[in-house]
Amino acid sequence: MSIIISLTIIFTLAATTFKIVTSGNIYEKITGFYFVFTNFIILILLNAVTNFDAMLDIIIILFLLQFVTILFLLFNRKKT
């Protein structure tokens, strides 16, 4: 079961990376960057982490990355 989930995440990573490369909008690139690293962290969680302390550290890093992405999107809006 873990192999199917890992393959699904890898396909999602590939599709999101392709979307980042082909998009011209900076906001799509930023959100794509967040989705790529979220999927990457989930992939690490599924395959490599066996103790709770390391998993908690990775989850905290994921939330910090999400917070930085949201702040960048909020403060970098174009003024019309």
N, C-alpha and C. Protein backbone atom coordinates (compact mmCIF):
# COMPACT_ATOMS: atom_id res chain seq x y z
N MET A 1 0.82 -1.19 0.00
CA MET A 1 0.00 0.00 0.00
C MET A 1 0.86 1.26 0.00
N SER A 2 1.96 1.21 0.72
CA SER A 2 2.85 2.36 0.78
C SER A 2 3.48 2.66 -0.58
N ILE A 3 3.70 1.62 -1.37
CA ILE A 3 4.29 1.82 -2.70
C ILE A 3 3.32 2.55 -3.61
N ILE A 4 2.04 2.24 -3.53
CA ILE A 4 1.04 2.92 -4.36
C ILE A 4 0.94 4.39 -3.98
N ILE A 5 0.95 4.67 -2.68
CA ILE A 5 0.89 6.06 -2.23
C ILE A 5 2.15 6.81 -2.65
N SER A 6 3.30 6.18 -2.54
CA SER A 6 4.55 6.81 -2.95
C SER A 6 4.56 7.11 -4.44
N LEU A 7 4.09 6.18 -5.26
CA LEU A 7 4.03 6.41 -6.70
C LEU A 7 3.07 7.54 -7.05
N THR A 8 1.94 7.60 -6.35
CA THR A 8 0.99 8.69 -6.58
C THR A 8 1.61 10.04 -6.24
N ILE A 9 2.34 10.10 -5.15
CA ILE A 9 3.00 11.35 -4.76
C ILE A 9 4.07 11.73 -5.76
N ILE A 10 4.80 10.75 -6.28
CA ILE A 10 5.84 11.04 -7.28
C ILE A 10 5.21 11.57 -8.57
N PHE A 11 4.10 11.00 -9.00
CA PHE A 11 3.41 11.52 -10.19
C PHE A 11 2.88 12.93 -9.95
N THR A 12 2.38 13.19 -8.75
CA THR A 12 1.92 14.53 -8.40
C THR A 12 3.09 15.52 -8.40
N LEU A 13 4.23 15.09 -7.89
CA LEU A 13 5.43 15.93 -7.92
C LEU A 13 5.83 16.28 -9.34
N ALA A 14 5.79 15.30 -10.22
CA ALA A 14 6.16 15.54 -11.62
C ALA A 14 5.20 16.51 -12.29
N ALA A 15 3.91 16.32 -12.05
CA ALA A 15 2.91 17.21 -12.67
C ALA A 15 3.03 18.63 -12.13
N THR A 16 3.24 18.77 -10.84
CA THR A 16 3.37 20.11 -10.25
C THR A 16 4.65 20.79 -10.72
N THR A 17 5.73 20.05 -10.83
CA THR A 17 6.98 20.62 -11.33
C THR A 17 6.83 21.07 -12.77
N PHE A 18 6.13 20.30 -13.58
CA PHE A 18 5.87 20.71 -14.96
C PHE A 18 5.04 21.99 -14.99
N LYS A 19 4.06 22.10 -14.10
CA LYS A 19 3.23 23.30 -14.03
C LYS A 19 4.05 24.52 -13.61
N ILE A 20 5.00 24.34 -12.71
CA ILE A 20 5.87 25.44 -12.30
C ILE A 20 6.70 25.93 -13.47
N VAL A 21 7.25 25.00 -14.23
CA VAL A 21 8.12 25.37 -15.35
C VAL A 21 7.35 26.08 -16.45
N THR A 22 6.11 25.68 -16.71
CA THR A 22 5.36 26.25 -17.82
C THR A 22 4.54 27.47 -17.45
N SER A 23 4.36 27.75 -16.17
CA SER A 23 3.51 28.89 -15.80
C SER A 23 4.28 30.20 -15.93
N GLY A 24 3.56 31.25 -16.26
CA GLY A 24 4.17 32.56 -16.38
C GLY A 24 3.84 33.45 -15.21
N ASN A 25 2.90 33.02 -14.38
CA ASN A 25 2.46 33.81 -13.24
C ASN A 25 3.31 33.47 -12.03
N ILE A 26 3.80 34.50 -11.33
CA ILE A 26 4.66 34.27 -10.17
C ILE A 26 3.90 33.62 -9.03
N TYR A 27 2.61 33.91 -8.89
CA TYR A 27 1.84 33.31 -7.81
C TYR A 27 1.64 31.81 -8.03
N GLU A 28 1.46 31.40 -9.27
CA GLU A 28 1.37 29.97 -9.56
C GLU A 28 2.69 29.28 -9.27
N LYS A 29 3.79 29.95 -9.53
CA LYS A 29 5.10 29.36 -9.24
C LYS A 29 5.32 29.22 -7.75
N ILE A 30 4.89 30.21 -6.97
CA ILE A 30 5.06 30.15 -5.52
C ILE A 30 4.21 29.05 -4.92
N THR A 31 2.95 28.98 -5.30
CA THR A 31 2.10 27.92 -4.76
C THR A 31 2.55 26.54 -5.25
N GLY A 32 3.05 26.46 -6.48
CA GLY A 32 3.61 25.20 -6.97
C GLY A 32 4.83 24.78 -6.17
N PHE A 33 5.67 25.76 -5.82
CA PHE A 33 6.84 25.49 -4.98
C PHE A 33 6.41 24.91 -3.64
N TYR A 34 5.37 25.51 -3.06
CA TYR A 34 4.86 25.00 -1.79
C TYR A 34 4.32 23.58 -1.94
N PHE A 35 3.57 23.31 -2.99
CA PHE A 35 3.01 21.97 -3.20
C PHE A 35 4.11 20.94 -3.45
N VAL A 36 5.15 21.31 -4.18
CA VAL A 36 6.24 20.37 -4.44
C VAL A 36 6.92 19.98 -3.13
N PHE A 37 7.25 20.96 -2.30
CA PHE A 37 7.93 20.62 -1.06
C PHE A 37 7.01 19.96 -0.04
N THR A 38 5.73 20.25 -0.08
CA THR A 38 4.79 19.53 0.77
C THR A 38 4.75 18.06 0.37
N ASN A 39 4.66 17.79 -0.92
CA ASN A 39 4.66 16.39 -1.38
C ASN A 39 5.98 15.69 -1.06
N PHE A 40 7.08 16.43 -1.19
CA PHE A 40 8.39 15.86 -0.89
C PHE A 40 8.49 15.49 0.59
N ILE A 41 7.99 16.35 1.47
CA ILE A 41 8.03 16.06 2.90
C ILE A 41 7.11 14.88 3.23
N ILE A 42 5.95 14.81 2.60
CA ILE A 42 5.05 13.68 2.83
C ILE A 42 5.70 12.38 2.35
N LEU A 43 6.41 12.44 1.23
CA LEU A 43 7.10 11.26 0.73
C LEU A 43 8.17 10.79 1.71
N ILE A 44 8.90 11.74 2.30
CA ILE A 44 9.89 11.38 3.31
C ILE A 44 9.21 10.76 4.52
N LEU A 45 8.09 11.34 4.93
CA LEU A 45 7.38 10.80 6.09
C LEU A 45 6.92 9.36 5.86
N LEU A 46 6.46 9.08 4.66
CA LEU A 46 5.96 7.74 4.39
C LEU A 46 7.07 6.69 4.35
N ASN A 47 8.24 7.08 3.86
CA ASN A 47 9.26 6.07 3.59
C ASN A 47 10.39 5.98 4.61
N ALA A 48 10.74 7.07 5.27
CA ALA A 48 11.96 7.04 6.04
C ALA A 48 11.80 7.23 7.54
N VAL A 49 10.74 7.84 7.98
CA VAL A 49 10.65 8.20 9.38
C VAL A 49 10.00 7.07 10.17
N THR A 50 10.71 6.62 11.21
CA THR A 50 10.17 5.55 12.03
C THR A 50 9.87 6.00 13.45
N ASN A 51 10.50 7.07 13.94
CA ASN A 51 10.20 7.52 15.30
C ASN A 51 9.42 8.82 15.26
N PHE A 52 8.71 9.09 16.34
CA PHE A 52 7.79 10.21 16.38
C PHE A 52 8.50 11.56 16.42
N ASP A 53 9.67 11.64 17.05
CA ASP A 53 10.38 12.91 17.17
C ASP A 53 10.77 13.47 15.81
N ALA A 54 11.29 12.63 14.94
CA ALA A 54 11.68 13.09 13.60
C ALA A 54 10.45 13.48 12.79
N MET A 55 9.36 12.75 12.94
CA MET A 55 8.14 13.06 12.21
C MET A 55 7.58 14.40 12.68
N LEU A 56 7.64 14.68 13.96
CA LEU A 56 7.16 15.95 14.50
C LEU A 56 8.00 17.11 13.97
N ASP A 57 9.31 16.93 13.87
CA ASP A 57 10.17 17.97 13.31
C ASP A 57 9.82 18.28 11.86
N ILE A 58 9.56 17.26 11.08
CA ILE A 58 9.22 17.45 9.68
C ILE A 58 7.86 18.15 9.55
N ILE A 59 6.91 17.81 10.39
CA ILE A 59 5.60 18.46 10.35
C ILE A 59 5.73 19.94 10.72
N ILE A 60 6.56 20.25 11.70
CA ILE A 60 6.79 21.65 12.07
C ILE A 60 7.43 22.42 10.92
N ILE A 61 8.38 21.81 10.24
CA ILE A 61 9.01 22.46 9.07
C ILE A 61 7.98 22.68 7.97
N LEU A 62 7.08 21.73 7.78
CA LEU A 62 6.03 21.87 6.77
C LEU A 62 5.11 23.05 7.10
N PHE A 63 4.71 23.19 8.35
CA PHE A 63 3.87 24.31 8.74
C PHE A 63 4.60 25.64 8.60
N LEU A 64 5.88 25.68 8.92
CA LEU A 64 6.65 26.92 8.75
C LEU A 64 6.77 27.29 7.27
N LEU A 65 6.96 26.30 6.41
CA LEU A 65 7.01 26.57 4.98
C LEU A 65 5.68 27.10 4.47
N GLN A 66 4.59 26.54 4.96
CA GLN A 66 3.27 27.02 4.58
C GLN A 66 3.07 28.46 5.06
N PHE A 67 3.49 28.77 6.26
CA PHE A 67 3.35 30.10 6.81
C PHE A 67 4.15 31.13 6.00
N VAL A 68 5.37 30.79 5.63
CA VAL A 68 6.19 31.69 4.82
C VAL A 68 5.57 31.91 3.45
N THR A 69 5.05 30.88 2.85
CA THR A 69 4.41 31.00 1.54
C THR A 69 3.18 31.90 1.60
N ILE A 70 2.35 31.71 2.60
CA ILE A 70 1.15 32.54 2.72
C ILE A 70 1.51 33.99 2.99
N LEU A 71 2.51 34.23 3.85
CA LEU A 71 2.94 35.61 4.10
C LEU A 71 3.49 36.26 2.84
N PHE A 72 4.26 35.53 2.06
CA PHE A 72 4.81 36.08 0.83
C PHE A 72 3.69 36.43 -0.14
N LEU A 73 2.70 35.56 -0.25
CA LEU A 73 1.58 35.85 -1.15
C LEU A 73 0.76 37.04 -0.67
N LEU A 74 0.60 37.19 0.64
CA LEU A 74 -0.17 38.31 1.16
C LEU A 74 0.55 39.64 0.99
N PHE A 75 1.83 39.67 1.27
CA PHE A 75 2.56 40.95 1.23
C PHE A 75 3.10 41.29 -0.15
N ASN A 76 2.99 40.39 -1.10
CA ASN A 76 3.53 40.65 -2.41
C ASN A 76 2.43 40.86 -3.45
N ARG A 77 1.24 41.25 -3.00
CA ARG A 77 0.14 41.51 -3.93
C ARG A 77 0.40 42.79 -4.70
N LYS A 78 -0.05 42.81 -5.94
CA LYS A 78 0.08 44.02 -6.74
C LYS A 78 -0.99 45.01 -6.32
N LYS A 79 -0.60 46.24 -6.20
CA LYS A 79 -1.54 47.30 -5.84
C LYS A 79 -2.12 47.88 -7.11
N THR A 80 -3.46 47.98 -7.19
CA THR A 80 -4.09 48.52 -8.39
C THR A 80 -4.66 49.89 -8.15
